[in-house]
Protein backbone atom coordinates (compact mmCIF):
# COMPACT_ATOMS: atom_id res chain seq x y z
CA MET A 1 85.55 -15.32 0.30
CA ASP A 2 86.02 -18.91 0.30
CA THR A 3 84.15 -20.83 -2.42
CA TYR A 4 82.72 -24.60 -2.22
CA ASP A 5 80.91 -26.82 -4.42
CA VAL A 6 78.40 -27.47 -1.60
CA VAL A 7 77.64 -25.59 1.58
CA ILE A 8 75.54 -27.22 4.26
CA ILE A 9 73.85 -24.90 6.70
CA GLY A 10 73.37 -26.57 10.19
CA GLY A 11 75.81 -28.56 12.22
CA GLY A 12 73.14 -30.80 13.73
CA ILE A 13 73.04 -34.55 12.97
CA VAL A 14 71.01 -34.14 9.67
CA GLY A 15 73.48 -31.67 8.26
CA LEU A 16 76.53 -33.79 9.42
CA ALA A 17 74.96 -37.00 7.89
CA THR A 18 74.45 -35.22 4.60
CA ALA A 19 78.03 -34.12 4.62
CA TYR A 20 79.09 -37.68 5.54
CA GLN A 21 77.01 -39.29 2.67
CA LEU A 22 78.28 -36.59 0.24
CA HIS A 23 81.69 -37.53 0.97
CA GLN A 24 80.94 -41.34 0.67
CA THR A 25 79.34 -40.74 -2.80
CA HIS A 26 81.13 -37.75 -4.32
CA PRO A 27 84.66 -37.71 -2.68
CA GLY A 28 86.03 -34.93 -5.07
CA VAL A 29 83.42 -32.41 -4.09
CA ARG A 30 84.49 -29.61 -1.86
CA CYS A 31 82.18 -28.97 0.99
CA ALA A 32 81.85 -26.70 4.04
CA ILE A 33 79.36 -26.76 6.98
CA VAL A 34 78.37 -23.48 8.76
CA GLU A 35 76.94 -23.76 12.23
CA LYS A 36 75.82 -20.84 14.27
CA GLU A 37 76.77 -22.23 17.66
CA ASP A 38 80.41 -22.87 18.88
CA ALA A 39 79.93 -26.59 18.59
CA VAL A 40 77.92 -28.97 16.58
CA ALA A 41 74.90 -30.79 17.90
CA SER A 42 73.91 -27.86 20.37
CA HIS A 43 70.26 -27.96 19.85
CA GLN A 44 67.78 -30.69 18.74
CA THR A 45 70.59 -33.28 18.14
CA GLY A 46 72.03 -32.71 21.57
CA ARG A 47 68.82 -32.32 23.53
CA ASN A 48 66.73 -35.21 22.37
CA SER A 49 65.75 -38.40 24.22
CA GLY A 50 68.63 -40.50 22.77
CA VAL A 51 66.40 -43.20 21.59
CA ILE A 52 67.03 -45.27 18.39
CA HIS A 53 63.58 -45.42 16.96
CA SER A 54 62.20 -48.59 15.19
CA GLY A 55 59.72 -46.69 12.98
CA ILE A 56 56.74 -48.61 14.39
CA PHE A 57 54.63 -45.46 15.00
CA TYR A 58 54.95 -43.98 11.38
CA THR A 59 52.54 -44.07 8.50
CA PRO A 60 53.58 -46.99 6.18
CA GLY A 61 55.12 -45.64 3.14
CA SER A 62 55.93 -42.25 4.56
CA LEU A 63 59.45 -40.75 4.45
CA LYS A 64 59.49 -41.02 8.17
CA ALA A 65 58.73 -44.85 8.04
CA GLU A 66 61.13 -45.70 5.10
CA ASN A 67 63.98 -43.64 6.34
CA CYS A 68 63.81 -44.59 9.90
CA ARG A 69 63.71 -48.33 9.14
CA LYS A 70 66.70 -47.98 6.74
CA GLY A 71 68.57 -45.38 8.88
CA ARG A 72 68.46 -47.48 12.05
CA LYS A 73 70.63 -50.08 10.48
CA GLN A 74 73.03 -47.39 9.00
CA LEU A 75 73.15 -45.91 12.56
CA VAL A 76 74.11 -49.17 14.23
CA ASP A 77 76.80 -49.81 11.52
CA PHE A 78 78.11 -46.28 11.85
CA CYS A 79 78.43 -46.63 15.70
CA GLU A 80 80.17 -50.02 15.42
CA GLN A 81 82.56 -48.52 12.82
CA TYR A 82 83.43 -45.37 14.82
CA GLY A 83 83.01 -46.63 18.41
CA VAL A 84 79.87 -44.69 19.41
CA ASP A 85 78.25 -45.91 22.40
CA TYR A 86 74.84 -47.58 21.75
CA ASP A 87 72.56 -50.37 23.05
CA VAL A 88 69.92 -52.07 21.03
CA CYS A 89 67.83 -52.80 24.28
CA GLY A 90 64.33 -53.16 22.87
CA LYS A 91 61.15 -51.22 24.20
CA VAL A 92 57.68 -52.10 25.27
CA ILE A 93 54.49 -50.05 24.14
CA VAL A 94 52.08 -50.50 26.96
CA ALA A 95 48.29 -50.56 26.84
CA ALA A 96 47.41 -49.63 30.52
CA THR A 97 43.58 -50.08 30.04
CA ASP A 98 41.42 -52.06 27.82
CA ALA A 99 40.39 -48.92 26.02
CA GLU A 100 43.90 -48.49 24.62
CA VAL A 101 44.21 -52.02 23.21
CA PRO A 102 42.54 -51.15 19.91
CA GLU A 103 45.09 -48.38 19.23
CA LEU A 104 47.88 -50.80 20.19
CA GLU A 105 46.63 -53.31 17.70
CA ARG A 106 46.62 -50.31 14.94
CA ILE A 107 50.35 -49.86 15.93
CA ARG A 108 51.05 -53.40 15.64
CA GLU A 109 49.61 -53.39 12.12
CA LYS A 110 51.82 -50.35 11.29
CA GLY A 111 54.78 -52.46 12.43
CA ARG A 112 53.79 -55.25 10.24
CA LYS A 113 53.49 -53.05 7.19
CA ASN A 114 56.68 -51.16 8.08
CA GLN A 115 58.52 -54.65 8.23
CA ILE A 116 59.36 -54.22 11.92
CA ALA A 117 59.35 -57.12 14.10
CA CYS A 118 57.08 -56.59 17.23
CA THR A 119 55.21 -59.11 19.46
CA ARG A 120 52.10 -58.58 21.45
CA ILE A 121 52.57 -59.68 24.92
CA GLY A 122 50.48 -60.11 28.02
CA PRO A 123 50.82 -58.82 31.58
CA GLU A 124 53.09 -61.68 32.67
CA ARG A 125 55.61 -61.33 29.99
CA LEU A 126 55.44 -57.49 30.42
CA ARG A 127 56.46 -57.89 34.10
CA GLU A 128 59.47 -60.03 33.05
CA LEU A 129 60.70 -57.24 30.78
CA GLU A 130 59.66 -54.36 33.00
CA PRO A 131 58.86 -55.59 36.46
CA HIS A 132 57.39 -52.28 37.68
CA THR A 133 55.16 -51.60 34.74
CA ARG A 134 51.58 -52.36 34.66
CA GLY A 135 49.37 -52.92 31.69
CA VAL A 136 46.64 -55.12 30.21
CA ALA A 137 48.77 -55.77 27.10
CA ALA A 138 51.96 -54.56 25.36
CA LEU A 139 53.99 -54.61 22.13
CA HIS A 140 57.67 -55.75 22.59
CA VAL A 141 59.69 -53.99 19.87
CA PRO A 142 63.26 -55.54 20.15
CA SER A 143 64.92 -53.15 17.47
CA SER A 144 64.59 -50.07 19.50
CA GLY A 145 67.57 -48.79 21.49
CA ILE A 146 69.51 -46.00 22.90
CA VAL A 147 72.54 -44.16 21.61
CA ASP A 148 74.90 -41.14 22.24
CA TYR A 149 73.74 -38.83 19.46
CA ILE A 150 76.33 -36.04 20.50
CA GLY A 151 78.97 -38.62 20.20
CA MET A 152 77.70 -39.72 16.71
CA ALA A 153 77.44 -36.01 15.44
CA GLN A 154 81.02 -35.44 16.64
CA ALA A 155 82.36 -38.50 14.98
CA MET A 156 80.71 -37.45 11.61
CA ALA A 157 82.23 -34.04 11.86
CA HIS A 158 85.63 -35.52 12.67
CA VAL A 159 85.36 -37.90 9.67
CA VAL A 160 84.48 -35.17 7.13
CA GLN A 161 87.04 -32.72 8.44
CA GLU A 162 89.71 -35.66 8.07
CA HIS A 163 88.63 -35.77 4.56
CA GLY A 164 89.04 -32.00 3.80
CA TYR A 165 85.71 -30.51 4.71
CA ASP A 166 85.63 -27.32 6.62
CA VAL A 167 83.35 -26.85 9.63
CA TYR A 168 82.71 -23.22 10.59
CA THR A 169 81.30 -22.62 14.10
CA GLY A 170 79.94 -19.34 15.35
CA ALA A 171 78.73 -18.65 11.93
CA ALA A 172 74.93 -17.79 12.01
CA VAL A 173 73.44 -17.29 8.46
CA GLN A 174 72.09 -13.74 8.16
CA ALA A 175 71.27 -13.67 4.42
CA LEU A 176 71.65 -15.55 1.15
CA ASP A 177 72.34 -14.15 -2.22
CA VAL A 178 71.23 -16.69 -4.83
CA THR A 179 72.48 -16.15 -8.34
CA ALA A 180 72.51 -18.18 -11.53
CA ASP A 181 75.65 -19.88 -10.70
CA GLY A 182 75.75 -20.22 -6.91
CA VAL A 183 74.77 -18.92 -3.36
CA VAL A 184 76.62 -16.67 -1.14
CA CYS A 185 75.96 -17.30 2.50
CA HIS A 186 76.52 -14.19 4.62
CA THR A 187 77.23 -15.34 8.23
CA THR A 188 78.23 -13.64 11.42
CA ALA A 189 81.79 -15.03 10.73
CA GLY A 190 82.08 -13.90 7.17
CA SER A 191 80.76 -15.04 3.86
CA VAL A 192 81.19 -18.24 2.11
CA ARG A 193 79.97 -19.15 -1.37
CA GLY A 194 78.56 -22.47 -2.54
CA ARG A 195 77.59 -23.47 -5.97
CA LEU A 196 74.78 -25.69 -4.26
CA VAL A 197 73.44 -25.16 -0.59
CA VAL A 198 71.66 -27.44 1.66
CA ASN A 199 69.58 -25.97 4.40
CA CYS A 200 69.55 -28.17 7.52
CA ALA A 201 69.02 -25.48 10.01
CA GLY A 202 66.38 -27.23 12.09
CA LEU A 203 64.55 -24.66 14.23
CA TYR A 204 65.22 -21.93 11.65
CA ALA A 205 64.94 -24.02 8.54
CA ASP A 206 61.91 -22.14 7.29
CA LYS A 207 63.77 -18.75 7.68
CA ILE A 208 66.55 -20.07 5.67
CA ALA A 209 64.14 -21.52 3.19
CA GLN A 210 62.74 -17.97 2.79
CA MET A 211 66.24 -16.41 2.46
CA SER A 212 66.66 -18.78 -0.58
CA GLY A 213 63.54 -17.45 -2.26
CA GLN A 214 61.45 -20.39 -1.57
CA ASP A 215 57.98 -20.39 0.19
CA PRO A 216 58.23 -23.20 2.67
CA GLN A 217 54.43 -23.44 2.78
CA ALA A 218 54.81 -23.96 6.52
CA GLN A 219 56.17 -22.32 9.61
CA ILE A 220 58.36 -23.76 12.34
CA VAL A 221 56.43 -23.62 15.66
CA PRO A 222 58.69 -24.54 18.61
CA PHE A 223 57.38 -27.01 21.28
CA ARG A 224 59.53 -27.63 24.31
CA GLY A 225 59.73 -31.11 25.67
CA GLU A 226 60.11 -30.98 29.55
CA TYR A 227 61.75 -33.92 31.28
CA TYR A 228 62.22 -35.18 34.79
CA GLU A 229 64.55 -38.12 35.63
CA LEU A 230 64.48 -40.76 38.27
CA VAL A 231 66.73 -40.23 41.38
CA PRO A 232 69.54 -42.74 41.41
CA GLU A 233 68.13 -45.03 44.04
CA ARG A 234 64.79 -45.44 41.85
CA GLN A 235 66.38 -46.04 38.47
CA HIS A 236 65.71 -49.73 38.97
CA LEU A 237 62.01 -49.00 38.32
CA CYS A 238 62.84 -48.91 34.32
CA ASN A 239 65.00 -51.41 32.69
CA ASN A 240 65.02 -49.99 29.18
CA LEU A 241 62.27 -48.07 27.34
CA ILE A 242 58.70 -47.91 28.39
CA TYR A 243 56.14 -46.12 25.99
CA PRO A 244 52.38 -45.49 26.34
CA VAL A 245 49.99 -45.85 23.63
CA PRO A 246 50.12 -42.47 22.05
CA ASN A 247 47.38 -40.20 20.91
CA PRO A 248 47.19 -40.80 17.10
CA ASP A 249 46.08 -37.19 16.59
CA PHE A 250 49.41 -35.67 17.74
CA PRO A 251 52.95 -36.16 16.67
CA PHE A 252 54.20 -36.36 20.40
CA LEU A 253 54.45 -39.79 22.06
CA GLY A 254 53.46 -38.77 25.51
CA VAL A 255 55.22 -39.27 28.79
CA HIS A 256 57.52 -42.27 28.70
CA PHE A 257 60.51 -43.65 30.36
CA THR A 258 63.95 -43.92 28.70
CA ARG A 259 67.10 -45.32 30.05
CA MET A 260 69.87 -43.09 28.57
CA ILE A 261 73.05 -44.19 27.18
CA GLU A 262 74.94 -42.64 30.24
CA GLY A 263 72.82 -44.85 32.64
CA HIS A 264 70.32 -42.54 34.22
CA VAL A 265 66.36 -42.77 33.31
CA GLU A 266 64.45 -40.02 31.96
CA CYS A 267 60.69 -39.51 32.19
CA GLY A 268 58.90 -37.36 29.81
CA PRO A 269 58.43 -35.23 27.90
CA SER A 270 55.46 -32.86 28.14
CA ALA A 271 54.95 -30.77 25.00
CA VAL A 272 54.12 -27.17 25.49
CA LEU A 273 54.62 -24.17 23.26
CA ALA A 274 58.20 -22.56 23.70
CA PHE A 275 58.20 -18.85 23.96
CA ALA A 276 61.35 -18.80 21.67
CA ARG A 277 62.68 -21.10 19.04
CA GLU A 278 65.37 -21.91 21.42
CA GLY A 279 63.24 -21.43 24.42
CA TYR A 280 64.53 -24.36 26.79
CA THR A 281 62.88 -22.97 29.94
CA PHE A 282 59.61 -21.28 30.79
CA THR A 283 61.50 -17.92 31.19
CA ASP A 284 63.07 -18.11 27.84
CA VAL A 285 61.05 -15.51 25.88
CA ASN A 286 62.00 -14.00 22.42
CA TRP A 287 59.12 -11.54 21.88
CA PRO A 288 59.30 -11.26 18.22
CA GLU A 289 59.42 -14.89 17.69
CA LEU A 290 56.64 -15.48 20.18
CA TRP A 291 54.54 -12.80 18.46
CA GLU A 292 55.19 -14.38 15.10
CA THR A 293 53.99 -17.86 16.45
CA LEU A 294 50.93 -16.47 18.04
CA THR A 295 49.82 -14.54 15.14
CA TYR A 296 50.56 -17.21 12.48
CA PRO A 297 47.36 -18.31 11.08
CA GLY A 298 48.33 -22.10 11.19
CA PHE A 299 49.04 -21.87 15.00
CA VAL A 300 45.68 -19.98 15.52
CA LYS A 301 43.82 -22.75 13.77
CA LEU A 302 45.85 -25.42 15.60
CA SER A 303 45.16 -23.98 18.98
CA ALA A 304 41.42 -23.47 18.20
CA LYS A 305 41.16 -27.25 17.27
CA HIS A 306 43.26 -28.66 20.12
CA TRP A 307 43.02 -26.29 23.02
CA ARG A 308 41.98 -28.87 25.42
CA LYS A 309 45.23 -30.89 24.76
CA GLY A 310 47.27 -27.70 24.74
CA LEU A 311 45.85 -26.72 28.11
CA TYR A 312 46.40 -29.98 29.63
CA GLU A 313 49.99 -30.12 28.57
CA MET A 314 50.52 -26.61 29.97
CA VAL A 315 48.95 -27.63 33.27
CA GLN A 316 51.20 -30.81 33.15
CA SER A 317 54.13 -28.55 32.66
CA LEU A 318 53.44 -26.26 35.62
CA SER A 319 51.96 -28.97 38.09
CA LYS A 320 54.56 -31.74 39.09
CA GLU A 321 51.63 -33.62 40.58
CA THR A 322 49.90 -33.85 37.17
CA TYR A 323 53.05 -34.90 35.55
CA VAL A 324 53.51 -37.64 38.21
CA ARG A 325 50.04 -38.91 37.54
CA ALA A 326 51.07 -39.21 33.86
CA ALA A 327 54.13 -41.15 34.70
CA GLN A 328 52.02 -43.36 37.06
CA HIS A 329 50.00 -44.36 33.99
CA LEU A 330 52.99 -46.69 33.18
CA ILE A 331 54.67 -47.18 36.52
CA PRO A 332 52.22 -46.82 39.42
CA GLU A 333 54.70 -46.76 42.16
CA VAL A 334 56.54 -43.73 40.97
CA THR A 335 56.06 -40.79 43.39
CA SER A 336 56.88 -37.15 43.30
CA ASP A 337 60.04 -37.61 45.35
CA ASP A 338 61.33 -40.04 42.75
CA LEU A 339 61.58 -37.48 40.05
CA VAL A 340 63.93 -34.42 39.78
CA PRO A 341 64.02 -31.93 36.74
CA SER A 342 66.08 -32.80 33.69
CA PRO A 343 67.12 -30.47 30.82
CA SER A 344 64.53 -29.65 28.29
CA GLY A 345 64.58 -29.86 24.44
CA VAL A 346 62.71 -28.06 21.74
CA ARG A 347 61.15 -29.73 18.71
CA ALA A 348 61.05 -27.87 15.55
CA GLN A 349 57.55 -28.67 14.35
CA ALA A 350 56.38 -27.32 10.94
CA VAL A 351 52.71 -26.19 10.86
CA ARG A 352 50.92 -25.48 7.64
CA ARG A 353 48.77 -22.31 7.35
CA ASP A 354 45.52 -24.36 7.52
CA GLY A 355 46.39 -25.50 10.91
CA THR A 356 47.68 -29.02 10.14
CA LEU A 357 50.83 -30.44 11.41
CA VAL A 358 53.41 -31.64 8.88
CA ASP A 359 53.57 -35.16 9.91
CA ASP A 360 56.30 -36.36 7.54
CA PHE A 361 59.67 -35.15 6.64
CA LEU A 362 59.48 -31.99 4.21
CA ILE A 363 62.13 -31.51 1.71
CA ARG A 364 61.86 -28.88 -1.05
CA ALA A 365 64.26 -27.56 -3.53
CA THR A 366 64.99 -24.65 -5.77
CA ASP A 367 67.59 -24.69 -8.53
CA ARG A 368 70.56 -24.09 -6.25
CA VAL A 369 69.09 -24.60 -2.56
CA VAL A 370 67.86 -27.88 -1.00
CA ASN A 371 65.71 -26.87 2.05
CA VAL A 372 65.11 -29.59 4.52
CA ILE A 373 62.18 -27.81 6.15
CA ASN A 374 60.68 -30.32 8.59
CA ALA A 375 62.87 -32.98 10.14
CA ALA A 376 61.44 -33.74 13.58
CA SER A 377 61.69 -37.11 15.27
CA PRO A 378 62.83 -39.61 14.18
CA ALA A 379 65.33 -37.56 12.10
CA ALA A 380 68.25 -38.41 14.36
CA THR A 381 67.57 -42.10 14.01
CA ALA A 382 67.08 -41.76 10.32
CA SER A 383 69.85 -39.11 9.77
CA LEU A 384 72.18 -41.19 7.61
CA GLN A 385 69.26 -42.42 5.42
CA ILE A 386 68.09 -38.89 5.17
CA GLY A 387 71.53 -37.83 3.98
CA THR A 388 71.27 -40.70 1.35
CA HIS A 389 67.76 -39.53 0.34
CA ILE A 390 69.07 -35.91 -0.09
CA MET A 391 71.82 -37.21 -2.25
CA ASP A 392 69.88 -39.51 -4.40
CA THR A 393 66.95 -37.35 -4.92
CA TYR A 394 68.44 -33.85 -4.82
CA LEU A 395 72.12 -33.30 -4.63
CA THR A 396 73.52 -35.90 -7.08
CA PRO A 397 71.25 -34.70 -10.08
CA ARG A 398 72.47 -31.05 -9.38
CA ILE A 399 76.00 -32.07 -9.01
CA GLU A 400 76.05 -33.76 -12.31
CA ARG A 401 74.19 -30.96 -13.92
CA VAL A 402 76.56 -28.28 -12.86
CA GLY A 403 79.45 -30.34 -13.44
CA LEU A 404 80.93 -30.65 -9.93
CA GLN A 405 81.77 -34.39 -10.16
CA GLN A 406 85.76 -34.47 -10.02
CA GLN A 407 86.46 -38.24 -9.92
CA PRO A 408 84.53 -41.48 -10.30
CA VAL A 409 81.91 -42.05 -7.78
CA ASP A 410 82.32 -44.93 -5.25
CA VAL A 411 79.00 -45.72 -4.15
CA GLN A 412 78.88 -47.48 -0.75
């Protein structure tokens, strides 16, 4: 059985960014990453909208706001250094009606408190930026952009492997044995031992936390984001990123238009309950996981409170006509013929037993295991700063306590 100083569970962008920052700050520490799929970035990282978020939507002072703002700069620097495709193209957040203007102003105030440059613009300037979008007012946020997150994750994996880290793929964690001096991770590819473990398992982060002996105090509920994309001859309808004013009661931003780094334009997503934690289509059903979700008190309470919104999202999922109407809220000339289905993603959303959504990053730790329980959007944008936060707050004190540091730390 191979033994390491640190084992990171999960080869998504948060796990890889944590490994990258571990190498930057503690180059003498031996580390392995265990990933259950055959390649890194196979789930949330490789199936998201590809947006570099500015952080404007998040509560000032929250981990999301702070890590997103700092992480965005680190992301751009990383992409420049390692040749990952990105484009800081800016976005507009559009108030389509007068009723949406007060919320638009609240978002602008969040932007001010989060130190994010944004400008309120009128219909004429909006038409200059996005000629086919209609609204009574908008916010222009120049720091938003688009990026190749799969390429970024692959670059991180390459860097850490070059420096001696092992990346095990096809290694699904089945159990953890936590002892006074380490943790044995039993996987489908064999067992590895780490003196410290970081759980970045995304859709299964709560399960891994339970294996470590910690009550996550929340359960992951999977929400599928369903997308369409504009047919090639209609991609000119969107120049960059066009967002609606979101419903402040939900963590989802609503149907929006995104120019992807590859050049096509996505529209979406809807947000419906997935029938499996990796349920990327309506017919992907894992009955034990679905039963666990439907009987979880937190989901029952959440559904009872927001059943109208949930029903609307389900109707939007099943009815293209309803989906098109949501898209027309931003670009009136979009028609059903302009949109074709695009691959879906699943968001790992932590829900507390009282039915409230965990609206911030949630990281909890035991003596030997650091559990990243909730790291939904903007975790990809913030990944490098999340890695820094994990290092500074959790790993470095433990590394020093158990005597893993083998050479002087070069903090970058």
